[in-house]
mmCIF file of all heavy atoms, coordinates in Angstrom:
data_MODEL
# 
_entry.id   MODEL 
# 
loop_
_atom_site.group_PDB 
_atom_site.id 
_atom_site.type_symbol 
_atom_site.label_atom_id 
_atom_site.label_alt_id 
_atom_site.label_comp_id 
_atom_site.label_asym_id 
_atom_site.label_entity_id 
_atom_site.label_seq_id 
_atom_site.pdbx_PDB_ins_code 
_atom_site.Cartn_x 
_atom_site.Cartn_y 
_atom_site.Cartn_z 
_atom_site.occupancy 
_atom_site.B_iso_or_equiv 
_atom_site.pdbx_formal_charge 
_atom_site.auth_seq_id 
_atom_site.auth_comp_id 
_atom_site.auth_asym_id 
_atom_site.auth_atom_id 
_atom_site.pdbx_PDB_model_num 
ATOM 1   N N   . LYS A 1 1  ? -61.484 50.157 253.964 1.00 0.00 ? 1  LYS A N   1 
ATOM 2   C CA  . LYS A 1 1  ? -62.089 51.048 254.936 1.00 0.00 ? 1  LYS A CA  1 
ATOM 3   C C   . LYS A 1 1  ? -61.224 52.281 255.082 1.00 0.00 ? 1  LYS A C   1 
ATOM 4   O O   . LYS A 1 1  ? -60.002 52.201 255.081 1.00 0.00 ? 1  LYS A O   1 
ATOM 5   C CB  . LYS A 1 1  ? -62.246 50.350 256.293 1.00 0.00 ? 1  LYS A CB  1 
ATOM 6   C CG  . LYS A 1 1  ? -63.329 49.290 256.302 1.00 0.00 ? 1  LYS A CG  1 
ATOM 7   C CD  . LYS A 1 1  ? -63.587 48.782 257.701 1.00 0.00 ? 1  LYS A CD  1 
ATOM 8   C CE  . LYS A 1 1  ? -64.716 47.759 257.703 1.00 0.00 ? 1  LYS A CE  1 
ATOM 9   N NZ  . LYS A 1 1  ? -65.006 47.258 259.053 1.00 0.00 ? 1  LYS A NZ  1 
ATOM 10  N N   . GLN A 1 2  ? -61.884 53.417 255.241 1.00 0.00 ? 2  GLN A N   1 
ATOM 11  C CA  . GLN A 1 2  ? -61.155 54.659 255.452 1.00 0.00 ? 2  GLN A CA  1 
ATOM 12  C C   . GLN A 1 2  ? -60.562 54.680 256.855 1.00 0.00 ? 2  GLN A C   1 
ATOM 13  O O   . GLN A 1 2  ? -61.187 54.236 257.817 1.00 0.00 ? 2  GLN A O   1 
ATOM 14  C CB  . GLN A 1 2  ? -62.085 55.857 255.260 1.00 0.00 ? 2  GLN A CB  1 
ATOM 15  C CG  . GLN A 1 2  ? -62.308 56.238 253.820 1.00 0.00 ? 2  GLN A CG  1 
ATOM 16  C CD  . GLN A 1 2  ? -61.061 56.842 253.183 1.00 0.00 ? 2  GLN A CD  1 
ATOM 17  O OE1 . GLN A 1 2  ? -60.139 57.262 253.863 1.00 0.00 ? 2  GLN A OE1 1 
ATOM 18  N NE2 . GLN A 1 2  ? -61.041 56.864 251.868 1.00 0.00 ? 2  GLN A NE2 1 
ATOM 19  N N   . THR A 1 3  ? -59.362 55.203 256.953 1.00 0.00 ? 3  THR A N   1 
ATOM 20  C CA  . THR A 1 3  ? -58.742 55.353 258.269 1.00 0.00 ? 3  THR A CA  1 
ATOM 21  C C   . THR A 1 3  ? -59.347 56.564 258.970 1.00 0.00 ? 3  THR A C   1 
ATOM 22  O O   . THR A 1 3  ? -59.843 57.483 258.331 1.00 0.00 ? 3  THR A O   1 
ATOM 23  C CB  . THR A 1 3  ? -57.215 55.545 258.124 1.00 0.00 ? 3  THR A CB  1 
ATOM 24  O OG1 . THR A 1 3  ? -56.970 56.637 257.217 1.00 0.00 ? 3  THR A OG1 1 
ATOM 25  C CG2 . THR A 1 3  ? -56.559 54.297 257.584 1.00 0.00 ? 3  THR A CG2 1 
ATOM 26  N N   . PHE A 1 4  ? -59.300 56.541 260.298 1.00 0.00 ? 4  PHE A N   1 
ATOM 27  C CA  . PHE A 1 4  ? -59.802 57.679 261.072 1.00 0.00 ? 4  PHE A CA  1 
ATOM 28  C C   . PHE A 1 4  ? -58.813 58.837 260.966 1.00 0.00 ? 4  PHE A C   1 
ATOM 29  O O   . PHE A 1 4  ? -57.636 58.625 260.716 1.00 0.00 ? 4  PHE A O   1 
ATOM 30  C CB  . PHE A 1 4  ? -59.983 57.256 262.535 1.00 0.00 ? 4  PHE A CB  1 
ATOM 31  C CG  . PHE A 1 4  ? -61.092 56.253 262.745 1.00 0.00 ? 4  PHE A CG  1 
ATOM 32  C CD1 . PHE A 1 4  ? -60.819 55.017 263.319 1.00 0.00 ? 4  PHE A CD1 1 
ATOM 33  C CD2 . PHE A 1 4  ? -62.393 56.542 262.373 1.00 0.00 ? 4  PHE A CD2 1 
ATOM 34  C CE1 . PHE A 1 4  ? -61.836 54.083 263.522 1.00 0.00 ? 4  PHE A CE1 1 
ATOM 35  C CE2 . PHE A 1 4  ? -63.416 55.621 262.567 1.00 0.00 ? 4  PHE A CE2 1 
ATOM 36  C CZ  . PHE A 1 4  ? -63.130 54.392 263.138 1.00 0.00 ? 4  PHE A CZ  1 
ATOM 37  N N   . PRO A 1 5  ? -59.301 60.076 261.178 1.00 0.00 ? 5  PRO A N   1 
ATOM 38  C CA  . PRO A 1 5  ? -60.651 60.494 261.564 1.00 0.00 ? 5  PRO A CA  1 
ATOM 39  C C   . PRO A 1 5  ? -61.583 60.625 260.370 1.00 0.00 ? 5  PRO A C   1 
ATOM 40  O O   . PRO A 1 5  ? -61.134 60.831 259.251 1.00 0.00 ? 5  PRO A O   1 
ATOM 41  C CB  . PRO A 1 5  ? -60.398 61.858 262.221 1.00 0.00 ? 5  PRO A CB  1 
ATOM 42  C CG  . PRO A 1 5  ? -59.214 62.402 261.499 1.00 0.00 ? 5  PRO A CG  1 
ATOM 43  C CD  . PRO A 1 5  ? -58.341 61.213 261.183 1.00 0.00 ? 5  PRO A CD  1 
ATOM 44  N N   . TRP A 1 6  ? -62.892 60.525 260.642 1.00 0.00 ? 6  TRP A N   1 
ATOM 45  C CA  . TRP A 1 6  ? -63.902 60.622 259.596 1.00 0.00 ? 6  TRP A CA  1 
ATOM 46  C C   . TRP A 1 6  ? -64.633 61.952 259.707 1.00 0.00 ? 6  TRP A C   1 
ATOM 47  O O   . TRP A 1 6  ? -65.319 62.216 260.702 1.00 0.00 ? 6  TRP A O   1 
ATOM 48  C CB  . TRP A 1 6  ? -64.917 59.482 259.720 1.00 0.00 ? 6  TRP A CB  1 
ATOM 49  C CG  . TRP A 1 6  ? -64.337 58.127 259.448 1.00 0.00 ? 6  TRP A CG  1 
ATOM 50  C CD1 . TRP A 1 6  ? -63.113 57.826 258.931 1.00 0.00 ? 6  TRP A CD1 1 
ATOM 51  C CD2 . TRP A 1 6  ? -64.977 56.864 259.676 1.00 0.00 ? 6  TRP A CD2 1 
ATOM 52  N NE1 . TRP A 1 6  ? -62.946 56.465 258.823 1.00 0.00 ? 6  TRP A NE1 1 
ATOM 53  C CE2 . TRP A 1 6  ? -64.069 55.845 259.277 1.00 0.00 ? 6  TRP A CE2 1 
ATOM 54  C CE3 . TRP A 1 6  ? -66.219 56.487 260.182 1.00 0.00 ? 6  TRP A CE3 1 
ATOM 55  C CZ2 . TRP A 1 6  ? -64.379 54.490 259.370 1.00 0.00 ? 6  TRP A CZ2 1 
ATOM 56  C CZ3 . TRP A 1 6  ? -66.537 55.147 260.283 1.00 0.00 ? 6  TRP A CZ3 1 
ATOM 57  C CH2 . TRP A 1 6  ? -65.620 54.152 259.866 1.00 0.00 ? 6  TRP A CH2 1 
ATOM 58  N N   . PHE A 1 7  ? -64.496 62.778 258.667 1.00 0.00 ? 7  PHE A N   1 
ATOM 59  C CA  . PHE A 1 7  ? -65.134 64.092 258.620 1.00 0.00 ? 7  PHE A CA  1 
ATOM 60  C C   . PHE A 1 7  ? -65.927 64.258 257.327 1.00 0.00 ? 7  PHE A C   1 
ATOM 61  O O   . PHE A 1 7  ? -65.606 63.663 256.307 1.00 0.00 ? 7  PHE A O   1 
ATOM 62  C CB  . PHE A 1 7  ? -64.077 65.213 258.620 1.00 0.00 ? 7  PHE A CB  1 
ATOM 63  C CG  . PHE A 1 7  ? -63.373 65.429 259.922 1.00 0.00 ? 7  PHE A CG  1 
ATOM 64  C CD1 . PHE A 1 7  ? -62.073 64.984 260.103 1.00 0.00 ? 7  PHE A CD1 1 
ATOM 65  C CD2 . PHE A 1 7  ? -63.990 66.107 260.961 1.00 0.00 ? 7  PHE A CD2 1 
ATOM 66  C CE1 . PHE A 1 7  ? -61.408 65.199 261.290 1.00 0.00 ? 7  PHE A CE1 1 
ATOM 67  C CE2 . PHE A 1 7  ? -63.327 66.327 262.158 1.00 0.00 ? 7  PHE A CE2 1 
ATOM 68  C CZ  . PHE A 1 7  ? -62.032 65.869 262.329 1.00 0.00 ? 7  PHE A CZ  1 
ATOM 69  N N   . GLY A 1 8  ? -66.914 65.127 257.373 1.00 0.00 ? 8  GLY A N   1 
ATOM 70  C CA  . GLY A 1 8  ? -67.572 65.639 256.180 1.00 0.00 ? 8  GLY A CA  1 
ATOM 71  C C   . GLY A 1 8  ? -67.795 67.124 256.395 1.00 0.00 ? 8  GLY A C   1 
ATOM 72  O O   . GLY A 1 8  ? -68.150 67.542 257.502 1.00 0.00 ? 8  GLY A O   1 
ATOM 73  N N   . MET A 1 9  ? -67.591 67.934 255.346 1.00 0.00 ? 9  MET A N   1 
ATOM 74  C CA  . MET A 1 9  ? -67.710 69.383 255.483 1.00 0.00 ? 9  MET A CA  1 
ATOM 75  C C   . MET A 1 9  ? -68.639 69.975 254.435 1.00 0.00 ? 9  MET A C   1 
ATOM 76  O O   . MET A 1 9  ? -68.654 69.530 253.288 1.00 0.00 ? 9  MET A O   1 
ATOM 77  C CB  . MET A 1 9  ? -66.340 70.057 255.327 1.00 0.00 ? 9  MET A CB  1 
ATOM 78  C CG  . MET A 1 9  ? -65.384 69.848 256.449 1.00 0.00 ? 9  MET A CG  1 
ATOM 79  S SD  . MET A 1 9  ? -63.852 70.797 256.155 1.00 0.00 ? 9  MET A SD  1 
ATOM 80  C CE  . MET A 1 9  ? -64.453 72.450 256.535 1.00 0.00 ? 9  MET A CE  1 
ATOM 81  N N   . ASP A 1 10 ? -69.382 70.980 254.846 1.00 0.00 ? 10 ASP A N   1 
ATOM 82  C CA  . ASP A 1 10 ? -70.187 71.789 253.936 1.00 0.00 ? 10 ASP A CA  1 
ATOM 83  C C   . ASP A 1 10 ? -69.792 73.243 254.180 1.00 0.00 ? 10 ASP A C   1 
ATOM 84  O O   . ASP A 1 10 ? -70.109 73.808 255.226 1.00 0.00 ? 10 ASP A O   1 
ATOM 85  C CB  . ASP A 1 10 ? -71.675 71.567 254.210 1.00 0.00 ? 10 ASP A CB  1 
ATOM 86  C CG  . ASP A 1 10 ? -72.577 72.382 253.281 1.00 0.00 ? 10 ASP A CG  1 
ATOM 87  O OD1 . ASP A 1 10 ? -72.044 73.103 252.407 1.00 0.00 ? 10 ASP A OD1 1 
ATOM 88  O OD2 . ASP A 1 10 ? -73.810 72.302 253.433 1.00 0.00 ? 10 ASP A OD2 1 
ATOM 89  N N   . ILE A 1 11 ? -69.068 73.833 253.229 1.00 0.00 ? 11 ILE A N   1 
ATOM 90  C CA  . ILE A 1 11 ? -68.532 75.181 253.410 1.00 0.00 ? 11 ILE A CA  1 
ATOM 91  C C   . ILE A 1 11 ? -69.455 76.160 252.697 1.00 0.00 ? 11 ILE A C   1 
ATOM 92  O O   . ILE A 1 11 ? -69.375 76.350 251.482 1.00 0.00 ? 11 ILE A O   1 
ATOM 93  C CB  . ILE A 1 11 ? -67.093 75.284 252.863 1.00 0.00 ? 11 ILE A CB  1 
ATOM 94  C CG1 . ILE A 1 11 ? -66.237 74.128 253.405 1.00 0.00 ? 11 ILE A CG1 1 
ATOM 95  C CG2 . ILE A 1 11 ? -66.478 76.620 253.243 1.00 0.00 ? 11 ILE A CG2 1 
ATOM 96  C CD1 . ILE A 1 11 ? -64.851 74.044 252.775 1.00 0.00 ? 11 ILE A CD1 1 
ATOM 97  N N   . GLY A 1 12 ? -70.361 76.761 253.452 1.00 0.00 ? 12 GLY A N   1 
ATOM 98  C CA  . GLY A 1 12 ? -71.336 77.674 252.878 1.00 0.00 ? 12 GLY A CA  1 
ATOM 99  C C   . GLY A 1 12 ? -70.828 79.106 252.829 1.00 0.00 ? 12 GLY A C   1 
ATOM 100 O O   . GLY A 1 12 ? -69.725 79.418 253.289 1.00 0.00 ? 12 GLY A O   1 
ATOM 101 N N   . GLY A 1 13 ? -71.666 79.983 252.298 1.00 0.00 ? 13 GLY A N   1 
ATOM 102 C CA  . GLY A 1 13 ? -71.285 81.385 252.191 1.00 0.00 ? 13 GLY A CA  1 
ATOM 103 C C   . GLY A 1 13 ? -71.235 82.089 253.530 1.00 0.00 ? 13 GLY A C   1 
ATOM 104 O O   . GLY A 1 13 ? -70.480 83.044 253.717 1.00 0.00 ? 13 GLY A O   1 
ATOM 105 N N   . THR A 1 14 ? -72.036 81.623 254.483 1.00 0.00 ? 14 THR A N   1 
ATOM 106 C CA  . THR A 1 14 ? -72.109 82.248 255.804 1.00 0.00 ? 14 THR A CA  1 
ATOM 107 C C   . THR A 1 14 ? -71.564 81.339 256.894 1.00 0.00 ? 14 THR A C   1 
ATOM 108 O O   . THR A 1 14 ? -70.894 81.795 257.825 1.00 0.00 ? 14 THR A O   1 
ATOM 109 C CB  . THR A 1 14 ? -73.580 82.600 256.141 1.00 0.00 ? 14 THR A CB  1 
ATOM 110 O OG1 . THR A 1 14 ? -74.119 83.396 255.101 1.00 0.00 ? 14 THR A OG1 1 
ATOM 111 C CG2 . THR A 1 14 ? -73.672 83.352 257.455 1.00 0.00 ? 14 THR A CG2 1 
ATOM 112 N N   . LEU A 1 15 ? -71.854 80.035 256.776 1.00 0.00 ? 15 LEU A N   1 
ATOM 113 C CA  . LEU A 1 15 ? -71.548 79.097 257.847 1.00 0.00 ? 15 LEU A CA  1 
ATOM 114 C C   . LEU A 1 15 ? -70.878 77.838 257.304 1.00 0.00 ? 15 LEU A C   1 
ATOM 115 O O   . LEU A 1 15 ? -71.225 77.361 256.227 1.00 0.00 ? 15 LEU A O   1 
ATOM 116 C CB  . LEU A 1 15 ? -72.859 78.712 258.546 1.00 0.00 ? 15 LEU A CB  1 
ATOM 117 C CG  . LEU A 1 15 ? -72.847 78.305 260.018 1.00 0.00 ? 15 LEU A CG  1 
ATOM 118 C CD1 . LEU A 1 15 ? -72.296 79.417 260.904 1.00 0.00 ? 15 LEU A CD1 1 
ATOM 119 C CD2 . LEU A 1 15 ? -74.252 77.942 260.465 1.00 0.00 ? 15 LEU A CD2 1 
ATOM 120 N N   . VAL A 1 16 ? -69.914 77.334 258.065 1.00 0.00 ? 16 VAL A N   1 
ATOM 121 C CA  . VAL A 1 16 ? -69.287 76.047 257.755 1.00 0.00 ? 16 VAL A CA  1 
ATOM 122 C C   . VAL A 1 16 ? -69.900 75.000 258.674 1.00 0.00 ? 16 VAL A C   1 
ATOM 123 O O   . VAL A 1 16 ? -69.989 75.195 259.890 1.00 0.00 ? 16 VAL A O   1 
ATOM 124 C CB  . VAL A 1 16 ? -67.760 76.094 257.972 1.00 0.00 ? 16 VAL A CB  1 
ATOM 125 C CG1 . VAL A 1 16 ? -67.136 74.719 257.696 1.00 0.00 ? 16 VAL A CG1 1 
ATOM 126 C CG2 . VAL A 1 16 ? -67.125 77.150 257.087 1.00 0.00 ? 16 VAL A CG2 1 
ATOM 127 N N   . LYS A 1 17 ? -70.347 73.898 258.077 1.00 0.00 ? 17 LYS A N   1 
ATOM 128 C CA  . LYS A 1 17 ? -70.913 72.804 258.855 1.00 0.00 ? 17 LYS A CA  1 
ATOM 129 C C   . LYS A 1 17 ? -69.976 71.600 258.760 1.00 0.00 ? 17 LYS A C   1 
ATOM 130 O O   . LYS A 1 17 ? -69.566 71.239 257.656 1.00 0.00 ? 17 LYS A O   1 
ATOM 131 C CB  . LYS A 1 17 ? -72.296 72.416 258.335 1.00 0.00 ? 17 LYS A CB  1 
ATOM 132 C CG  . LYS A 1 17 ? -73.406 73.408 258.669 1.00 0.00 ? 17 LYS A CG  1 
ATOM 133 C CD  . LYS A 1 17 ? -73.389 74.659 257.837 1.00 0.00 ? 17 LYS A CD  1 
ATOM 134 C CE  . LYS A 1 17 ? -73.716 74.391 256.384 1.00 0.00 ? 17 LYS A CE  1 
ATOM 135 N NZ  . LYS A 1 17 ? -73.679 75.656 255.576 1.00 0.00 ? 17 LYS A NZ  1 
ATOM 136 N N   . LEU A 1 18 ? -69.661 71.026 259.903 1.00 0.00 ? 18 LEU A N   1 
ATOM 137 C CA  . LEU A 1 18 ? -68.712 69.920 259.974 1.00 0.00 ? 18 LEU A CA  1 
ATOM 138 C C   . LEU A 1 18 ? -69.345 68.776 260.750 1.00 0.00 ? 18 LEU A C   1 
ATOM 139 O O   . LEU A 1 18 ? -69.916 68.991 261.827 1.00 0.00 ? 18 LEU A O   1 
ATOM 140 C CB  . LEU A 1 18 ? -67.436 70.398 260.687 1.00 0.00 ? 18 LEU A CB  1 
ATOM 141 C CG  . LEU A 1 18 ? -66.305 69.403 260.905 1.00 0.00 ? 18 LEU A CG  1 
ATOM 142 C CD1 . LEU A 1 18 ? -65.553 69.156 259.609 1.00 0.00 ? 18 LEU A CD1 1 
ATOM 143 C CD2 . LEU A 1 18 ? -65.339 69.933 261.956 1.00 0.00 ? 18 LEU A CD2 1 
ATOM 144 N N   . VAL A 1 19 ? -69.300 67.558 260.202 1.00 0.00 ? 19 VAL A N   1 
ATOM 145 C CA  . VAL A 1 19 ? -69.734 66.398 260.973 1.00 0.00 ? 19 VAL A CA  1 
ATOM 146 C C   . VAL A 1 19 ? -68.519 65.507 261.223 1.00 0.00 ? 19 VAL A C   1 
ATOM 147 O O   . VAL A 1 19 ? -67.661 65.342 260.360 1.00 0.00 ? 19 VAL A O   1 
ATOM 148 C CB  . VAL A 1 19 ? -70.868 65.604 260.289 1.00 0.00 ? 19 VAL A CB  1 
ATOM 149 C CG1 . VAL A 1 19 ? -72.132 66.439 260.184 1.00 0.00 ? 19 VAL A CG1 1 
ATOM 150 C CG2 . VAL A 1 19 ? -70.465 65.095 258.924 1.00 0.00 ? 19 VAL A CG2 1 
ATOM 151 N N   . TYR A 1 20 ? -68.457 64.968 262.433 1.00 0.00 ? 20 TYR A N   1 
ATOM 152 C CA  . TYR A 1 20 ? -67.322 64.138 262.848 1.00 0.00 ? 20 TYR A CA  1 
ATOM 153 C C   . TYR A 1 20 ? -67.845 62.866 263.484 1.00 0.00 ? 20 TYR A C   1 
ATOM 154 O O   . TYR A 1 20 ? -68.672 62.910 264.403 1.00 0.00 ? 20 TYR A O   1 
ATOM 155 C CB  . TYR A 1 20 ? -66.445 64.906 263.836 1.00 0.00 ? 20 TYR A CB  1 
ATOM 156 C CG  . TYR A 1 20 ? -65.452 64.036 264.573 1.00 0.00 ? 20 TYR A CG  1 
ATOM 157 C CD1 . TYR A 1 20 ? -64.401 63.425 263.891 1.00 0.00 ? 20 TYR A CD1 1 
ATOM 158 C CD2 . TYR A 1 20 ? -65.567 63.809 265.942 1.00 0.00 ? 20 TYR A CD2 1 
ATOM 159 C CE1 . TYR A 1 20 ? -63.499 62.618 264.560 1.00 0.00 ? 20 TYR A CE1 1 
ATOM 160 C CE2 . TYR A 1 20 ? -64.668 63.002 266.619 1.00 0.00 ? 20 TYR A CE2 1 
ATOM 161 C CZ  . TYR A 1 20 ? -63.638 62.410 265.925 1.00 0.00 ? 20 TYR A CZ  1 
ATOM 162 O OH  . TYR A 1 20 ? -62.747 61.594 266.593 1.00 0.00 ? 20 TYR A OH  1 
ATOM 163 N N   . PHE A 1 21 ? -67.367 61.721 262.985 1.00 0.00 ? 21 PHE A N   1 
ATOM 164 C CA  . PHE A 1 21 ? -67.749 60.427 263.552 1.00 0.00 ? 21 PHE A CA  1 
ATOM 165 C C   . PHE A 1 21 ? -66.736 60.032 264.616 1.00 0.00 ? 21 PHE A C   1 
ATOM 166 O O   . PHE A 1 21 ? -65.548 59.881 264.337 1.00 0.00 ? 21 PHE A O   1 
ATOM 167 C CB  . PHE A 1 21 ? -67.809 59.355 262.468 1.00 0.00 ? 21 PHE A CB  1 
ATOM 168 C CG  . PHE A 1 21 ? -68.221 57.996 262.982 1.00 0.00 ? 21 PHE A CG  1 
ATOM 169 C CD1 . PHE A 1 21 ? -69.565 57.691 263.174 1.00 0.00 ? 21 PHE A CD1 1 
ATOM 170 C CD2 . PHE A 1 21 ? -67.274 57.032 263.294 1.00 0.00 ? 21 PHE A CD2 1 
ATOM 171 C CE1 . PHE A 1 21 ? -69.948 56.441 263.651 1.00 0.00 ? 21 PHE A CE1 1 
ATOM 172 C CE2 . PHE A 1 21 ? -67.643 55.791 263.770 1.00 0.00 ? 21 PHE A CE2 1 
ATOM 173 C CZ  . PHE A 1 21 ? -68.990 55.485 263.956 1.00 0.00 ? 21 PHE A CZ  1 
ATOM 174 N N   . GLU A 1 22 ? -67.227 59.861 265.852 1.00 0.00 ? 22 GLU A N   1 
ATOM 175 C CA  . GLU A 1 22 ? -66.379 59.452 266.972 1.00 0.00 ? 22 GLU A CA  1 
ATOM 176 C C   . GLU A 1 22 ? -66.557 57.948 267.207 1.00 0.00 ? 22 GLU A C   1 
ATOM 177 O O   . GLU A 1 22 ? -67.615 57.514 267.661 1.00 0.00 ? 22 GLU A O   1 
ATOM 178 C CB  . GLU A 1 22 ? -66.779 60.217 268.236 1.00 0.00 ? 22 GLU A CB  1 
ATOM 179 C CG  . GLU A 1 22 ? -66.038 59.760 269.481 1.00 0.00 ? 22 GLU A CG  1 
ATOM 180 C CD  . GLU A 1 22 ? -66.742 60.154 270.769 1.00 0.00 ? 22 GLU A CD  1 
ATOM 181 O OE1 . GLU A 1 22 ? -67.891 60.653 270.701 1.00 0.00 ? 22 GLU A OE1 1 
ATOM 182 O OE2 . GLU A 1 22 ? -66.150 59.944 271.846 1.00 0.00 ? 22 GLU A OE2 1 
ATOM 183 N N   . PRO A 1 23 ? -65.556 57.132 266.903 1.00 0.00 ? 23 PRO A N   1 
ATOM 184 C CA  . PRO A 1 23 ? -65.700 55.684 267.129 1.00 0.00 ? 23 PRO A CA  1 
ATOM 185 C C   . PRO A 1 23 ? -65.757 55.376 268.622 1.00 0.00 ? 23 PRO A C   1 
ATOM 186 O O   . PRO A 1 23 ? -64.990 55.921 269.408 1.00 0.00 ? 23 PRO A O   1 
ATOM 187 C CB  . PRO A 1 23 ? -64.438 55.103 266.492 1.00 0.00 ? 23 PRO A CB  1 
ATOM 188 C CG  . PRO A 1 23 ? -63.447 56.216 266.533 1.00 0.00 ? 23 PRO A CG  1 
ATOM 189 C CD  . PRO A 1 23 ? -64.218 57.489 266.392 1.00 0.00 ? 23 PRO A CD  1 
ATOM 190 N N   . LYS A 1 24 ? -66.691 54.494 268.998 1.00 0.00 ? 24 LYS A N   1 
ATOM 191 C CA  . LYS A 1 24 ? -66.824 54.103 270.407 1.00 0.00 ? 24 LYS A CA  1 
ATOM 192 C C   . LYS A 1 24 ? -66.481 52.627 270.610 1.00 0.00 ? 24 LYS A C   1 
ATOM 193 O O   . LYS A 1 24 ? -66.647 52.098 271.705 1.00 0.00 ? 24 LYS A O   1 
ATOM 194 C CB  . LYS A 1 24 ? -68.256 54.355 270.887 1.00 0.00 ? 24 LYS A CB  1 
ATOM 195 C CG  . LYS A 1 24 ? -68.716 55.802 270.762 1.00 0.00 ? 24 LYS A CG  1 
ATOM 196 C CD  . LYS A 1 24 ? -67.941 56.752 271.642 1.00 0.00 ? 24 LYS A CD  1 
ATOM 197 C CE  . LYS A 1 24 ? -68.378 56.665 273.082 1.00 0.00 ? 24 LYS A CE  1 
ATOM 198 N NZ  . LYS A 1 24 ? -67.717 57.684 273.917 1.00 0.00 ? 24 LYS A NZ  1 
ATOM 199 N N   . ASP A 1 25 ? -66.025 51.965 269.540 1.00 0.00 ? 25 ASP A N   1 
ATOM 200 C CA  . ASP A 1 25 ? -65.719 50.529 269.635 1.00 0.00 ? 25 ASP A CA  1 
ATOM 201 C C   . ASP A 1 25 ? -64.230 50.257 269.394 1.00 0.00 ? 25 ASP A C   1 
ATOM 202 O O   . ASP A 1 25 ? -63.859 49.210 268.871 1.00 0.00 ? 25 ASP A O   1 
ATOM 203 C CB  . ASP A 1 25 ? -66.570 49.745 268.626 1.00 0.00 ? 25 ASP A CB  1 
ATOM 204 C CG  . ASP A 1 25 ? -66.328 50.200 267.180 1.00 0.00 ? 25 ASP A CG  1 
ATOM 205 O OD1 . ASP A 1 25 ? -65.609 51.198 266.975 1.00 0.00 ? 25 ASP A OD1 1 
ATOM 206 O OD2 . ASP A 1 25 ? -66.864 49.550 266.258 1.00 0.00 ? 25 ASP A OD2 1 
ATOM 207 N N   . ILE A 1 26 ? -63.381 51.207 269.779 1.00 0.00 ? 26 ILE A N   1 
ATOM 208 C CA  . ILE A 1 26 ? -61.939 51.055 269.567 1.00 0.00 ? 26 ILE A CA  1 
ATOM 209 C C   . ILE A 1 26 ? -61.396 49.946 270.463 1.00 0.00 ? 26 ILE A C   1 
ATOM 210 O O   . ILE A 1 26 ? -61.628 49.939 271.679 1.00 0.00 ? 26 ILE A O   1 
ATOM 211 C CB  . ILE A 1 26 ? -61.199 52.378 269.862 1.00 0.00 ? 26 ILE A CB  1 
ATOM 212 C CG1 . ILE A 1 26 ? -61.665 53.460 268.881 1.00 0.00 ? 26 ILE A CG1 1 
ATOM 213 C CG2 . ILE A 1 26 ? -59.696 52.210 269.769 1.00 0.00 ? 26 ILE A CG2 1 
ATOM 214 C CD1 . ILE A 1 26 ? -61.095 54.830 269.156 1.00 0.00 ? 26 ILE A CD1 1 
# 
């Protein structure tokens, strides 16, 4: 399993989009 934090990024020509998974079962 990947350690936290969990991110994914899409770096576009105009805009950067970032998704972040926030664990709620710590």
